[in-house]
Amino acid sequence: MVIIKMNSLKKILRTNYFIYVSVVLLITVSAPPGINCQTKAKDFQGELYGELELFADVVTTIQSDYVEEVKPKDLIYGALKGMLSSLDKHSQFMDSDLYNEMKVETEGEFGGIGIEITIKDNLLTIITPMDGTPADKAGLKPNDKIIKIDGELTRDITLVEAVKKLRGKPGVRVQLTILREKEKKLLDFTITRDIIKLKSIKEAKVIEDNIGYVKLVEFRENTIKDFEGALKNLEKKGIDSLILDLRNNPGGLLNSAIDVAERFLK
């Protein structure tokens, strides 16, 4: 069995846009009585070296015969991504850009305009503006298509590249050209970046029969602080039971998830 760990930053429920790594491979071998584990390991290594020879041959062929020049780093990173994708949906290779992006998201604070984005039908698309952020105040809407960022077309842009362009120092402006459904012409927005604080708790309220309800959207560094604050407010209102809603929660920091779980364990 091969277990892929993402250090302490492994997603506990899924990978997504949002995943992230200095990858550590922990190989554990379980064998029935009578089988020599050392022999099995040697067999694995022998087979691995044979396949690596094939890999080297393919790389050499691409280098010598491919119609366009290819960077060695692109080939190796592509191979690593394929290697991890052959395991399970929770295992993924991350380059430094994706890793740094993950760190920003899990730390819960950054300079930007406050929108969630995706690539939809090959267009950079706003999933939703976050409540109270510059994007929300400027009037950006879900399903708006971002055609240009600071005058540059977003055609063929990656999510990582888009995030880099949208984020920046608070107080610095960014101009977006938006394609909106039912609008006859493109819309231009000039938005001033601000500190965006990602909240782990989307909703906390009391529902019927003194039942508390907490919607926890992701496990970040500040999650336990947010959760305890929400829980104290609900306890002041006299709750005697609690619904913790984790639906569509993509995961996050394992330590934060453990901290929350410990609040329910004796």
Protein backbone atom coordinates (compact mmCIF):
# COMPACT_ATOMS: atom_id res chain seq x y z
CA MET A 1 0.00 0.00 0.00
CA VAL A 2 1.32 3.45 -0.88
CA ILE A 3 0.15 6.36 1.25
CA ILE A 4 0.73 9.87 -0.06
CA LYS A 5 0.98 12.48 2.66
CA MET A 6 0.91 16.23 2.13
CA ASN A 7 2.83 16.97 5.34
CA SER A 8 0.49 18.63 7.85
CA LEU A 9 -1.35 20.34 5.00
CA LYS A 10 -3.15 17.31 3.59
CA LYS A 11 -6.76 17.80 2.60
CA ILE A 12 -8.93 15.55 4.76
CA LEU A 13 -11.98 15.35 2.51
CA ARG A 14 -10.85 16.06 -1.03
CA THR A 15 -8.31 17.83 -3.17
CA ASN A 16 -9.75 20.86 -5.15
CA TYR A 17 -9.13 23.97 -7.07
CA PHE A 18 -8.59 24.05 -4.86
CA ILE A 19 -3.80 20.82 -3.87
CA TYR A 20 -0.54 21.10 -2.53
CA VAL A 21 2.92 19.51 -1.90
CA SER A 22 6.19 18.61 -0.84
CA VAL A 23 5.21 14.98 -1.29
CA VAL A 24 6.30 12.35 1.18
CA LEU A 25 6.00 8.73 0.13
CA LEU A 26 5.42 6.27 2.93
CA ILE A 27 5.60 2.73 1.65
CA THR A 28 4.31 0.00 3.91
CA VAL A 29 4.44 -3.62 2.92
CA SER A 30 2.21 -6.19 4.51
CA ALA A 31 2.98 -9.77 3.62
CA PRO A 32 1.57 -13.12 4.71
CA PRO A 33 3.76 -15.46 6.76
CA GLY A 34 6.59 -17.08 4.80
CA ILE A 35 7.12 -14.26 2.34
CA ASN A 36 10.40 -12.41 2.63
CA CYS A 37 9.71 -8.66 2.65
CA GLN A 38 13.25 -7.87 1.59
CA THR A 39 12.88 -10.07 -1.48
CA LYS A 40 9.59 -8.39 -2.30
CA ALA A 41 11.21 -4.96 -2.00
CA LYS A 42 14.04 -6.02 -4.32
CA ASP A 43 11.52 -7.29 -6.87
CA PHE A 44 9.74 -3.94 -6.72
CA GLN A 45 12.99 -2.05 -7.23
CA GLY A 46 13.97 -4.27 -10.14
CA GLU A 47 10.64 -3.71 -11.86
CA LEU A 48 10.82 0.03 -11.11
CA TYR A 49 14.28 0.38 -12.67
CA GLY A 50 13.05 -1.41 -15.79
CA GLU A 51 10.14 1.01 -16.15
CA LEU A 52 12.43 3.98 -15.50
CA GLU A 53 14.54 2.86 -18.43
CA LEU A 54 11.44 3.06 -20.62
CA PHE A 55 10.68 6.51 -19.17
CA ALA A 56 14.20 7.70 -20.01
CA ASP A 57 13.86 6.37 -23.57
CA VAL A 58 10.60 8.29 -24.06
CA VAL A 59 12.12 11.52 -22.71
CA THR A 60 15.12 11.12 -25.01
CA THR A 61 12.86 10.51 -28.02
CA ILE A 62 10.79 13.61 -27.22
CA GLN A 63 13.93 15.69 -26.83
CA SER A 64 15.37 14.59 -30.18
CA ASP A 65 12.29 14.14 -32.37
CA TYR A 66 9.41 16.28 -31.07
CA VAL A 67 8.47 19.09 -33.45
CA GLU A 68 8.72 21.82 -30.80
CA GLU A 69 11.24 22.52 -28.08
CA VAL A 70 10.15 21.11 -24.73
CA LYS A 71 11.48 22.12 -21.32
CA PRO A 72 12.75 19.19 -19.21
CA LYS A 73 10.92 20.60 -16.18
CA ASP A 74 7.59 20.48 -18.03
CA LEU A 75 8.13 16.82 -18.93
CA ILE A 76 9.12 15.79 -15.41
CA TYR A 77 6.32 17.74 -13.72
CA GLY A 78 3.82 16.29 -16.18
CA ALA A 79 5.06 12.80 -15.37
CA LEU A 80 4.83 13.44 -11.63
CA LYS A 81 1.25 14.68 -11.96
CA GLY A 82 0.37 11.56 -13.92
CA MET A 83 2.08 9.36 -11.33
CA LEU A 84 0.06 10.78 -8.44
CA SER A 85 -3.21 10.81 -10.41
CA SER A 86 -2.86 7.04 -10.93
CA LEU A 87 -3.29 6.47 -7.18
CA ASP A 88 -6.51 7.97 -5.77
CA LYS A 89 -8.45 11.22 -5.92
CA HIS A 90 -6.87 12.49 -2.69
CA SER A 91 -3.30 12.25 -4.04
CA GLN A 92 -1.91 15.07 -6.15
CA PHE A 93 1.43 16.58 -7.07
CA MET A 94 1.74 20.31 -6.50
CA ASP A 95 4.33 22.64 -7.94
CA SER A 96 5.54 25.64 -5.94
CA ASP A 97 2.84 27.96 -7.34
CA LEU A 98 0.00 25.69 -6.29
CA TYR A 99 1.63 25.04 -2.93
CA ASN A 100 1.99 28.76 -2.22
CA GLU A 101 -1.62 29.32 -3.29
CA MET A 102 -2.73 26.63 -0.87
CA LYS A 103 -0.79 28.28 1.96
CA VAL A 104 -2.49 31.61 1.29
CA GLU A 105 -5.95 30.03 1.34
CA THR A 106 -5.38 28.03 4.51
CA GLU A 107 -3.85 31.01 6.35
CA GLY A 108 -7.18 32.75 5.80
CA GLU A 109 -6.05 36.26 4.82
CA PHE A 110 -4.68 37.92 1.67
CA GLY A 111 -4.80 41.09 -0.41
CA GLY A 112 -7.36 40.91 -3.20
CA ILE A 113 -10.88 41.77 -4.34
CA GLY A 114 -12.81 38.87 -2.81
CA ILE A 115 -14.14 36.56 -5.51
CA GLU A 116 -14.22 32.81 -6.01
CA ILE A 117 -13.36 31.87 -9.60
CA THR A 118 -13.25 28.86 -11.87
CA ILE A 119 -12.70 28.00 -15.54
CA LYS A 120 -16.07 27.27 -17.16
CA ASP A 121 -16.50 26.66 -20.89
CA ASN A 122 -12.90 27.89 -21.32
CA LEU A 123 -13.81 31.24 -19.76
CA LEU A 124 -12.62 32.67 -16.46
CA THR A 125 -15.86 32.75 -14.49
CA ILE A 126 -16.88 34.20 -11.13
CA ILE A 127 -18.46 31.59 -8.87
CA THR A 128 -19.47 34.20 -6.31
CA PRO A 129 -18.24 37.46 -4.81
CA MET A 130 -17.65 37.19 -1.05
CA ASP A 131 -20.01 39.22 1.11
CA GLY A 132 -18.75 42.68 2.01
CA THR A 133 -15.60 42.52 -0.14
CA PRO A 134 -14.53 45.05 -2.82
CA ALA A 135 -15.88 42.74 -5.54
CA ASP A 136 -19.25 42.53 -3.81
CA LYS A 137 -19.43 46.30 -3.28
CA ALA A 138 -18.44 46.95 -6.92
CA GLY A 139 -21.39 44.89 -8.15
CA LEU A 140 -19.74 41.78 -9.56
CA LYS A 141 -22.15 38.85 -9.83
CA PRO A 142 -22.05 35.04 -9.99
CA ASN A 143 -21.46 33.72 -13.54
CA ASP A 144 -19.85 36.97 -14.71
CA LYS A 145 -17.11 36.14 -17.23
CA ILE A 146 -13.79 37.94 -16.73
CA ILE A 147 -12.64 38.77 -20.27
CA LYS A 148 -9.72 41.05 -19.35
CA ILE A 149 -7.62 41.78 -16.27
CA ASP A 150 -5.86 45.15 -16.45
CA GLY A 151 -6.41 45.19 -20.21
CA GLU A 152 -4.95 41.72 -20.84
CA LEU A 153 -7.18 39.03 -22.33
CA THR A 154 -7.79 36.03 -20.09
CA ARG A 155 -8.09 33.58 -22.97
CA ASP A 156 -6.18 30.35 -22.10
CA ILE A 157 -5.31 31.69 -18.64
CA THR A 158 -4.92 29.17 -15.82
CA LEU A 159 -6.53 29.57 -12.42
CA VAL A 160 -3.13 30.07 -10.78
CA GLU A 161 -2.25 32.82 -13.26
CA ALA A 162 -5.63 34.49 -12.77
CA VAL A 163 -5.31 34.43 -8.99
CA LYS A 164 -1.85 36.02 -9.22
CA LYS A 165 -3.25 38.86 -11.33
CA LEU A 166 -6.28 39.44 -9.12
CA ARG A 167 -4.43 39.42 -5.82
CA GLY A 168 -2.04 42.14 -4.74
CA LYS A 169 -1.31 44.84 -2.22
CA PRO A 170 -4.32 46.43 -0.48
CA GLY A 171 -5.07 49.87 -1.89
CA VAL A 172 -3.87 49.01 -5.40
CA ARG A 173 -6.51 49.02 -8.14
CA VAL A 174 -7.27 46.31 -10.67
CA GLN A 175 -9.46 46.76 -13.75
CA LEU A 176 -11.76 43.97 -14.92
CA THR A 177 -13.66 43.71 -18.19
CA ILE A 178 -16.77 41.60 -17.64
CA LEU A 179 -19.11 39.72 -19.98
CA ARG A 180 -22.50 39.46 -18.28
CA GLU A 181 -25.50 37.51 -19.46
CA LYS A 182 -28.24 39.67 -21.03
CA GLU A 183 -25.92 42.68 -21.24
CA LYS A 184 -25.36 43.91 -24.80
CA LYS A 185 -21.86 45.22 -24.19
CA LEU A 186 -18.85 44.46 -22.01
CA LEU A 187 -18.75 46.06 -18.57
CA ASP A 188 -15.64 47.66 -17.05
CA PHE A 189 -15.01 47.64 -13.29
CA THR A 190 -12.15 49.36 -11.47
CA ILE A 191 -11.80 47.78 -8.04
CA THR A 192 -9.45 48.68 -5.20
CA ARG A 193 -7.91 45.67 -3.48
CA ASP A 194 -8.32 45.22 0.26
CA ILE A 195 -7.44 42.67 2.94
CA ILE A 196 -9.68 39.66 2.36
CA LYS A 197 -10.34 37.51 5.41
CA LEU A 198 -11.59 34.03 4.67
CA LYS A 199 -14.17 32.90 7.21
CA SER A 200 -14.47 29.26 8.15
CA ILE A 201 -17.98 29.72 9.55
CA LYS A 202 -20.52 30.77 6.94
CA GLU A 203 -23.56 30.65 9.20
CA ALA A 204 -24.31 30.14 12.90
CA LYS A 205 -27.86 30.36 14.25
CA VAL A 206 -30.46 28.84 16.53
CA ILE A 207 -33.20 26.85 14.86
CA GLU A 208 -36.27 25.29 16.47
CA ASP A 209 -36.25 23.55 19.88
CA ASN A 210 -33.00 25.16 21.07
CA ILE A 211 -30.98 23.44 18.37
CA GLY A 212 -27.84 25.25 17.25
CA TYR A 213 -26.72 25.19 13.63
CA VAL A 214 -23.19 25.90 12.36
CA LYS A 215 -22.17 25.82 8.69
CA LEU A 216 -18.40 25.16 8.50
CA VAL A 217 -17.14 25.70 4.95
CA GLU A 218 -13.42 24.81 5.23
CA PHE A 219 -10.75 23.91 7.79
CA ARG A 220 -8.23 26.78 7.93
CA GLU A 221 -5.73 28.09 10.48
CA ASN A 222 -8.37 30.29 12.11
CA THR A 223 -11.14 27.67 12.05
CA ILE A 224 -11.05 26.63 15.71
CA LYS A 225 -11.11 30.27 16.85
CA ASP A 226 -14.08 31.01 14.58
CA PHE A 227 -15.86 27.83 15.66
CA GLU A 228 -15.42 28.43 19.39
CA GLY A 229 -16.64 32.00 18.99
CA ALA A 230 -19.76 30.85 17.15
CA LEU A 231 -20.37 28.10 19.70
CA LYS A 232 -20.13 30.50 22.66
CA ASN A 233 -22.66 32.84 21.06
CA LEU A 234 -25.06 29.95 20.50
CA GLU A 235 -24.61 28.69 24.07
CA LYS A 236 -25.55 32.14 25.37
CA LYS A 237 -28.81 31.75 23.46
CA GLY A 238 -29.58 28.53 25.33
CA ILE A 239 -28.91 25.76 22.81
CA ASP A 240 -28.85 22.20 24.15
CA SER A 241 -27.84 20.44 20.92
CA LEU A 242 -25.92 21.29 17.77
CA ILE A 243 -25.97 20.53 14.05
CA LEU A 244 -22.51 20.89 12.48
CA ASP A 245 -23.05 21.21 8.72
CA LEU A 246 -20.04 20.00 6.72
CA ARG A 247 -21.83 19.56 3.40
CA ASN A 248 -19.66 20.67 0.44
CA ASN A 249 -16.76 21.30 2.83
CA PRO A 250 -13.68 20.56 0.67
CA GLY A 251 -11.43 19.78 3.64
CA GLY A 252 -8.41 21.85 4.60
CA LEU A 253 -5.84 21.61 7.36
CA LEU A 254 -5.87 18.29 9.17
CA ASN A 255 -4.84 19.84 12.49
CA SER A 256 -7.76 22.27 12.35
CA ALA A 257 -10.18 19.43 11.65
CA ILE A 258 -8.80 17.52 14.64
CA ASP A 259 -9.17 20.60 16.86
CA VAL A 260 -12.84 20.88 15.93
CA ALA A 261 -13.45 17.14 16.39
CA GLU A 262 -11.87 17.25 19.86
CA ARG A 263 -14.58 19.67 21.00
CA PHE A 264 -17.06 16.81 20.69
CA LEU A 265 -14.92 14.15 22.39
CA LYS A 266 -14.37 13.49 26.08
